[in-house]
Amino acid sequence: MDFLFLFLFYLALLVIGVITVCICSKIHCLKGLVRGGAQIFSYLIPECVQRALLRLLHYLFHTRNHTFVILHLVLQGMVYTEYTWEIFGLCQELEFSLYYLFLPYLLLIINLVFFALTCVTDPGAITKENESVFLRVYEFDEVMFPKNVSCSTCDLRKPARSKHCSVCNRCVHRFDHHCVWVNNCIGAWNTRYFLFYLLTLTASAATMAVVSTVFLVRLVMGSDLYLETYIDDLGRSQVVDTVFLIQYLFLTFPRIVFLLGFVMVLSFLLGGYLCFALYLAATNQTTNEWYRGDRAWCQHCPHMARPPSAEPRVYRNTYCRGLWSNLQEIFLPAAAHYERKKK
């Protein structure tokens, strides 16, 4: 189990780093910081190593591959192995409710179902056969989504709210973003699965954090450790404080304390991203639209050209129809609805 613990430690650091970079890359104010850090590293790392890293990064983030899907499943399996091996049995000895202890496993099953659905569901790929249908789903706002624009790669007219994904090499209806963790685009037909996947993943991490915290607190309270005293390095008697308790618990239950720290950090990162995703859903925006919103029709906008005499226009979200309608559009997209519109 020592090898498993060390492997989980380094894997956890890698995953937290990747998730943090993915989130930061979507935020304007942090994107420059990420670029600045990359420039600093370019002066420190040899050129041959830089080329190898760039090839690796291109493969990981700009081509479809199952690397992060496998990494996701391996990490999830290892976290639950640690939970079962270290926490489950000890909590039973302290007479925790079995419903309480089995909740993470229930969330795991639900999460894997929505994870699989997000991976395999067509996000809304635009083809010659359904192009005319998708062109009538959303109105063109003539700011971010002008009429009569074609995709030079797919040779298709671009419906409103669609975007060509360079990773999947296809245009996707109501494109949100490409997620490396599911090796698929997030679009009109799998956004609902992605939100449930993100919700259950956050809930499972938070539940593990709560169970681990309650276990450690009950352990301390039951042993009256917080009432004890100890002799410090100067030979003076000191009352046990919070720092001493944390050090004692880390030395006594290192795997549990590490697992608690990992799932807590993961809960905050995933929770923050979940709130952002729910905000987009409630306002009927996509990540792509939110990212480009304050750049559309700006003076130096690289996305589209405008006549020199045209006045600068500010993008406004014209697709918001109220909270209930917005959520209904995401959670009940119903491909059959588009087919009915075609008929």
Protein backbone atom coordinates (compact mmCIF):
# COMPACT_ATOMS: atom_id res chain seq x y z
CA MET A 1 0.00 0.00 0.00
CA ASP A 2 3.00 2.34 0.39
CA PHE A 3 3.54 2.29 -3.38
CA LEU A 4 -0.18 2.98 -3.91
CA PHE A 5 -0.04 5.91 -1.48
CA LEU A 6 3.00 7.50 -3.17
CA PHE A 7 1.58 6.95 -6.64
CA LEU A 8 -1.71 8.51 -5.57
CA PHE A 9 0.17 11.47 -4.08
CA TYR A 10 2.01 12.33 -7.30
CA LEU A 11 -1.02 11.57 -9.45
CA ALA A 12 -3.14 13.85 -7.29
CA LEU A 13 -0.67 16.70 -7.70
CA LEU A 14 -0.73 16.17 -11.46
CA VAL A 15 -4.52 16.14 -11.63
CA ILE A 16 -4.92 19.23 -9.44
CA GLY A 17 -2.37 20.99 -11.64
CA VAL A 18 -4.18 20.02 -14.85
CA ILE A 19 -7.61 21.03 -13.48
CA THR A 20 -6.22 24.35 -12.24
CA VAL A 21 -4.60 25.11 -15.60
CA CYS A 22 -7.79 24.15 -17.46
CA ILE A 23 -9.87 26.48 -15.28
CA CYS A 24 -7.33 29.31 -15.39
CA SER A 25 -7.08 29.07 -19.18
CA LYS A 26 -10.79 30.00 -19.41
CA ILE A 27 -10.35 33.17 -17.35
CA HIS A 28 -9.01 36.26 -19.14
CA CYS A 29 -7.14 37.74 -16.20
CA LEU A 30 -5.31 34.47 -15.50
CA LYS A 31 -4.60 33.52 -19.08
CA GLY A 32 -1.84 36.13 -19.33
CA LEU A 33 -0.33 34.80 -16.12
CA VAL A 34 -0.21 31.30 -17.57
CA ARG A 35 1.45 32.62 -20.73
CA GLY A 36 3.96 34.59 -18.66
CA GLY A 37 4.87 31.50 -16.67
CA ALA A 38 5.38 29.56 -19.91
CA GLN A 39 7.74 32.27 -21.19
CA ILE A 40 9.81 32.13 -18.01
CA PHE A 41 10.15 28.36 -18.28
CA SER A 42 11.21 28.71 -21.93
CA TYR A 43 14.40 30.44 -20.77
CA LEU A 44 15.19 27.71 -18.23
CA ILE A 45 14.46 24.55 -20.22
CA PRO A 46 16.71 23.38 -23.11
CA GLU A 47 15.22 23.75 -26.58
CA CYS A 48 15.19 20.01 -27.32
CA VAL A 49 13.22 19.41 -24.13
CA GLN A 50 10.85 22.24 -25.06
CA ARG A 51 10.14 20.64 -28.44
CA ALA A 52 9.45 17.28 -26.80
CA LEU A 53 7.13 18.92 -24.26
CA LEU A 54 5.29 20.83 -26.99
CA ARG A 55 4.75 17.60 -28.94
CA LEU A 56 3.48 15.91 -25.78
CA LEU A 57 1.17 18.83 -24.94
CA HIS A 58 -0.12 18.92 -28.51
CA TYR A 59 -0.92 15.21 -28.32
CA LEU A 60 -2.60 15.51 -24.91
CA PHE A 61 -4.66 18.66 -25.47
CA HIS A 62 -5.03 19.09 -29.25
CA THR A 63 -5.72 15.56 -30.49
CA ARG A 64 -8.41 13.11 -29.50
CA ASN A 65 -6.94 10.47 -27.20
CA HIS A 66 -7.99 8.49 -24.16
CA THR A 67 -5.11 9.53 -21.90
CA PHE A 68 -7.16 11.67 -19.53
CA VAL A 69 -10.10 9.26 -19.60
CA ILE A 70 -7.78 6.49 -18.38
CA LEU A 71 -6.16 8.86 -15.88
CA HIS A 72 -9.59 9.85 -14.58
CA LEU A 73 -10.64 6.24 -14.03
CA VAL A 74 -7.31 5.23 -12.46
CA LEU A 75 -7.35 8.15 -10.03
CA GLN A 76 -10.99 7.57 -9.14
CA GLY A 77 -10.29 3.89 -8.52
CA MET A 78 -7.28 4.66 -6.33
CA VAL A 79 -9.15 7.25 -4.28
CA TYR A 80 -11.96 4.80 -3.60
CA THR A 81 -9.43 2.07 -2.80
CA GLU A 82 -7.87 4.33 -0.17
CA TYR A 83 -11.32 5.23 1.16
CA THR A 84 -12.32 1.56 1.44
CA TRP A 85 -8.98 0.40 2.85
CA GLU A 86 -8.37 3.19 5.34
CA ILE A 87 -11.64 4.89 6.29
CA PHE A 88 -14.54 2.51 5.75
CA GLY A 89 -13.41 -0.14 8.28
CA LEU A 90 -12.36 2.39 10.94
CA CYS A 91 -15.67 4.22 10.61
CA GLN A 92 -17.51 0.95 11.12
CA GLU A 93 -15.61 0.47 14.38
CA LEU A 94 -16.86 3.88 15.49
CA GLU A 95 -20.41 2.77 14.56
CA PHE A 96 -20.98 5.17 11.67
CA SER A 97 -24.26 4.71 9.83
CA LEU A 98 -23.84 2.39 6.84
CA TYR A 99 -26.08 4.68 4.76
CA TYR A 100 -23.61 7.45 5.46
CA LEU A 101 -20.60 5.30 4.56
CA PHE A 102 -22.13 3.87 1.36
CA LEU A 103 -23.14 7.29 -0.01
CA PRO A 104 -19.79 7.82 -1.83
CA TYR A 105 -20.23 4.45 -3.58
CA LEU A 106 -23.74 5.39 -4.70
CA LEU A 107 -22.43 8.69 -6.05
CA LEU A 108 -19.61 6.80 -7.80
CA ILE A 109 -22.07 4.59 -9.68
CA ILE A 110 -24.19 7.56 -10.76
CA ASN A 111 -21.08 9.51 -11.71
CA LEU A 112 -19.71 6.70 -13.90
CA VAL A 113 -23.05 6.44 -15.72
CA PHE A 114 -23.05 10.15 -16.61
CA PHE A 115 -19.31 10.03 -17.33
CA ALA A 116 -19.93 7.29 -19.91
CA LEU A 117 -22.91 9.14 -21.39
CA THR A 118 -20.85 12.33 -21.72
CA CYS A 119 -18.05 10.40 -23.43
CA VAL A 120 -20.13 8.51 -26.01
CA THR A 121 -23.07 10.85 -26.71
CA ASP A 122 -22.95 12.83 -29.94
CA PRO A 123 -22.60 16.46 -28.78
CA GLY A 124 -24.46 17.67 -31.87
CA ALA A 125 -22.10 17.19 -34.78
CA ILE A 126 -23.23 19.13 -37.85
CA THR A 127 -23.32 17.22 -41.12
CA LYS A 128 -24.73 17.74 -44.61
CA GLU A 129 -27.81 15.79 -43.57
CA ASN A 130 -28.77 17.92 -40.53
CA GLU A 131 -27.23 21.25 -41.56
CA SER A 132 -30.55 22.75 -42.69
CA VAL A 133 -32.24 21.69 -39.44
CA PHE A 134 -29.63 23.28 -37.19
CA LEU A 135 -29.69 26.50 -39.23
CA ARG A 136 -33.28 27.07 -38.03
CA VAL A 137 -32.81 26.26 -34.35
CA TYR A 138 -31.30 29.60 -33.25
CA GLU A 139 -31.57 33.06 -34.72
CA PHE A 140 -28.40 34.78 -35.90
CA ASP A 141 -27.51 37.75 -33.71
CA GLU A 142 -25.35 39.35 -36.45
CA VAL A 143 -22.67 40.12 -33.85
CA MET A 144 -21.01 36.95 -32.72
CA PHE A 145 -22.98 34.74 -35.11
CA PRO A 146 -23.58 36.44 -38.48
CA LYS A 147 -25.59 34.86 -41.28
CA ASN A 148 -24.13 33.13 -44.33
CA VAL A 149 -20.80 32.20 -42.76
CA SER A 150 -19.34 28.87 -43.78
CA CYS A 151 -16.80 26.62 -42.09
CA SER A 152 -13.77 26.43 -44.35
CA THR A 153 -12.80 23.03 -42.95
CA CYS A 154 -16.16 21.24 -42.99
CA ASP A 155 -17.52 23.14 -46.01
CA LEU A 156 -20.80 23.69 -44.17
CA ARG A 157 -22.84 26.77 -43.37
CA LYS A 158 -22.35 27.59 -39.70
CA PRO A 159 -25.58 27.61 -37.66
CA ALA A 160 -25.86 30.18 -34.86
CA ARG A 161 -24.04 29.15 -31.66
CA SER A 162 -21.98 26.50 -33.46
CA LYS A 163 -18.21 26.27 -33.64
CA HIS A 164 -15.64 24.10 -35.35
CA CYS A 165 -13.66 22.01 -32.88
CA SER A 166 -10.07 21.67 -34.04
CA VAL A 167 -9.53 18.66 -31.76
CA CYS A 168 -12.48 16.62 -33.05
CA ASN A 169 -12.30 18.20 -36.53
CA ARG A 170 -16.04 18.80 -36.76
CA CYS A 171 -18.55 21.59 -36.26
CA VAL A 172 -20.67 21.20 -33.13
CA HIS A 173 -24.12 22.65 -32.52
CA ARG A 174 -24.32 24.92 -29.44
CA PHE A 175 -20.62 24.32 -28.84
CA ASP A 176 -19.49 24.82 -25.24
CA HIS A 177 -15.93 23.48 -25.09
CA HIS A 178 -13.83 20.40 -25.74
CA CYS A 179 -13.22 18.45 -22.52
CA VAL A 180 -10.09 16.29 -22.41
CA TRP A 181 -11.40 14.40 -19.36
CA VAL A 182 -14.22 12.86 -21.42
CA ASN A 183 -12.41 12.99 -24.79
CA ASN A 184 -15.41 14.66 -26.37
CA CYS A 185 -16.92 18.02 -27.16
CA ILE A 186 -19.59 19.42 -24.89
CA GLY A 187 -22.47 20.54 -27.06
CA ALA A 188 -26.24 20.71 -27.33
CA TRP A 189 -26.92 17.01 -26.79
CA ASN A 190 -24.53 16.11 -23.98
CA THR A 191 -24.34 19.29 -21.87
CA ARG A 192 -26.99 17.87 -19.53
CA TYR A 193 -24.93 14.70 -18.99
CA PHE A 194 -21.80 16.79 -18.42
CA LEU A 195 -23.54 18.88 -15.75
CA PHE A 196 -24.77 15.78 -13.92
CA TYR A 197 -21.30 14.24 -14.24
CA LEU A 198 -19.72 17.37 -12.77
CA LEU A 199 -22.34 17.57 -10.01
CA THR A 200 -21.92 13.94 -8.90
CA LEU A 201 -18.12 14.16 -9.11
CA THR A 202 -18.14 17.25 -6.88
CA ALA A 203 -20.63 15.62 -4.51
CA SER A 204 -18.57 12.43 -4.21
CA ALA A 205 -15.40 14.38 -3.40
CA ALA A 206 -17.27 16.55 -0.88
CA THR A 207 -18.90 13.50 0.73
CA MET A 208 -15.53 11.81 1.18
CA ALA A 209 -14.17 15.00 2.70
CA VAL A 210 -17.09 15.16 5.16
CA VAL A 211 -16.77 11.47 6.15
CA SER A 212 -13.00 11.80 6.66
CA THR A 213 -13.39 14.99 8.69
CA VAL A 214 -16.12 13.55 10.91
CA PHE A 215 -14.03 10.43 11.49
CA LEU A 216 -10.98 12.44 12.61
CA VAL A 217 -13.08 14.77 14.78
CA ARG A 218 -14.86 11.87 16.50
CA LEU A 219 -11.50 10.19 17.03
CA VAL A 220 -10.09 13.26 18.74
CA MET A 221 -13.22 13.94 20.77
CA GLY A 222 -13.59 10.31 21.84
CA SER A 223 -10.00 10.04 23.04
CA ASP A 224 -10.05 13.43 24.84
CA LEU A 225 -6.77 14.18 23.11
CA TYR A 226 -7.61 17.89 22.96
CA LEU A 227 -7.57 17.97 26.79
CA GLU A 228 -4.04 16.56 27.08
CA THR A 229 -0.76 18.43 27.51
CA TYR A 230 2.68 17.82 26.02
CA ILE A 231 6.27 18.88 26.67
CA ASP A 232 7.75 21.16 24.02
CA ASP A 233 11.40 21.43 22.95
CA LEU A 234 12.17 23.83 25.81
CA GLY A 235 10.79 21.43 28.41
CA ARG A 236 7.67 23.46 29.10
CA SER A 237 4.22 21.95 29.45
CA GLN A 238 1.88 23.06 26.67
CA VAL A 239 -1.84 22.52 26.10
CA VAL A 240 -2.61 20.58 22.93
CA ASP A 241 -3.53 23.07 20.20
CA THR A 242 -4.83 22.73 16.64
CA VAL A 243 -1.36 22.58 15.06
CA PHE A 244 -0.30 19.78 17.40
CA LEU A 245 -3.52 17.87 16.67
CA ILE A 246 -2.96 18.13 12.91
CA GLN A 247 0.64 16.96 13.27
CA TYR A 248 -0.43 14.07 15.49
CA LEU A 249 -3.18 12.98 13.11
CA PHE A 250 -0.86 13.23 10.11
CA LEU A 251 1.74 11.03 11.81
CA THR A 252 -0.88 8.55 13.02
CA PHE A 253 -3.15 8.47 9.94
CA PRO A 254 -1.04 9.89 7.07
CA ARG A 255 -3.13 8.35 4.28
CA ILE A 256 -6.42 9.59 5.71
CA VAL A 257 -5.10 13.13 6.26
CA PHE A 258 -3.63 13.23 2.76
CA LEU A 259 -6.85 11.88 1.23
CA LEU A 260 -8.81 14.50 3.18
CA GLY A 261 -6.57 17.28 1.88
CA PHE A 262 -6.81 16.03 -1.69
CA VAL A 263 -10.61 15.67 -1.78
CA MET A 264 -11.03 19.04 -0.06
CA VAL A 265 -8.91 20.81 -2.70
CA LEU A 266 -10.71 18.86 -5.42
CA SER A 267 -14.09 19.78 -3.93
CA PHE A 268 -13.27 23.50 -4.01
CA LEU A 269 -11.91 23.36 -7.58
CA LEU A 270 -14.79 21.29 -8.92
CA GLY A 271 -17.33 23.22 -6.86
CA GLY A 272 -16.13 26.51 -8.30
CA TYR A 273 -16.26 25.17 -11.84
CA LEU A 274 -19.70 23.65 -11.19
CA CYS A 275 -21.03 27.04 -10.04
CA PHE A 276 -19.64 28.62 -13.21
CA ALA A 277 -21.24 25.90 -15.38
CA LEU A 278 -24.59 26.32 -13.61
CA TYR A 279 -24.39 30.09 -14.09
CA LEU A 280 -23.88 29.57 -17.83
CA ALA A 281 -26.80 27.13 -17.90
CA ALA A 282 -29.08 29.52 -16.00
CA THR A 283 -28.27 32.39 -18.39
CA ASN A 284 -28.27 30.22 -21.53
CA GLN A 285 -24.65 30.87 -22.42
CA THR A 286 -21.87 28.55 -23.48
CA THR A 287 -18.25 28.74 -22.39
CA ASN A 288 -17.35 29.71 -25.94
CA GLU A 289 -19.88 32.57 -25.95
CA TRP A 290 -18.90 33.76 -22.49
CA TYR A 291 -15.23 33.78 -23.47
CA ARG A 292 -15.82 35.65 -26.71
CA GLY A 293 -18.59 37.90 -25.40
CA ASP A 294 -16.51 40.94 -24.54
CA ARG A 295 -14.32 40.54 -27.63
CA ALA A 296 -16.96 40.35 -30.36
CA TRP A 297 -16.93 43.39 -32.64
CA CYS A 298 -14.19 45.10 -30.69
CA GLN A 299 -11.78 47.40 -32.47
CA HIS A 300 -9.11 44.72 -32.90
CA CYS A 301 -11.36 41.65 -32.97
CA PRO A 302 -9.61 38.91 -34.97
CA HIS A 303 -12.72 36.76 -35.41
CA MET A 304 -14.50 38.76 -38.09
CA ALA A 305 -13.97 41.82 -40.23
CA ARG A 306 -16.33 44.77 -40.32
CA PRO A 307 -16.56 47.78 -42.66
CA PRO A 308 -14.39 50.73 -41.58
CA SER A 309 -17.47 52.93 -41.29
CA ALA A 310 -19.41 50.51 -39.11
CA GLU A 311 -19.96 51.47 -35.51
CA PRO A 312 -18.49 49.15 -32.85
CA ARG A 313 -21.19 46.86 -31.52
CA VAL A 314 -21.28 45.21 -28.12
CA TYR A 315 -22.32 41.59 -27.84
CA ARG A 316 -25.44 40.92 -25.78
CA ASN A 317 -26.80 37.53 -24.86
CA THR A 318 -29.99 37.33 -26.95
CA TYR A 319 -30.62 33.65 -26.25
CA CYS A 320 -31.66 34.00 -22.60
CA ARG A 321 -35.38 33.16 -22.28
CA GLY A 322 -35.71 33.06 -18.51
CA LEU A 323 -34.40 30.54 -15.99
CA TRP A 324 -36.94 27.77 -16.57
CA SER A 325 -36.78 27.95 -20.38
CA ASN A 326 -32.98 28.08 -20.30
CA LEU A 327 -32.71 24.96 -18.15
CA GLN A 328 -35.37 23.19 -20.19
CA GLU A 329 -33.37 23.88 -23.35
CA ILE A 330 -30.32 22.20 -21.82
CA PHE A 331 -31.86 19.27 -19.97
CA LEU A 332 -34.55 18.48 -22.56
CA PRO A 333 -32.86 19.21 -25.89
CA ALA A 334 -34.69 16.28 -27.55
CA ALA A 335 -33.10 15.53 -30.91
CA ALA A 336 -36.56 14.50 -32.07
CA HIS A 337 -37.66 18.11 -31.56
CA TYR A 338 -35.20 19.21 -34.25
CA GLU A 339 -36.47 16.50 -36.58
CA ARG A 340 -40.06 17.72 -36.07
CA LYS A 341 -38.96 21.23 -36.96
CA LYS A 342 -37.44 19.87 -40.14
CA LYS A 343 -40.74 18.27 -41.14
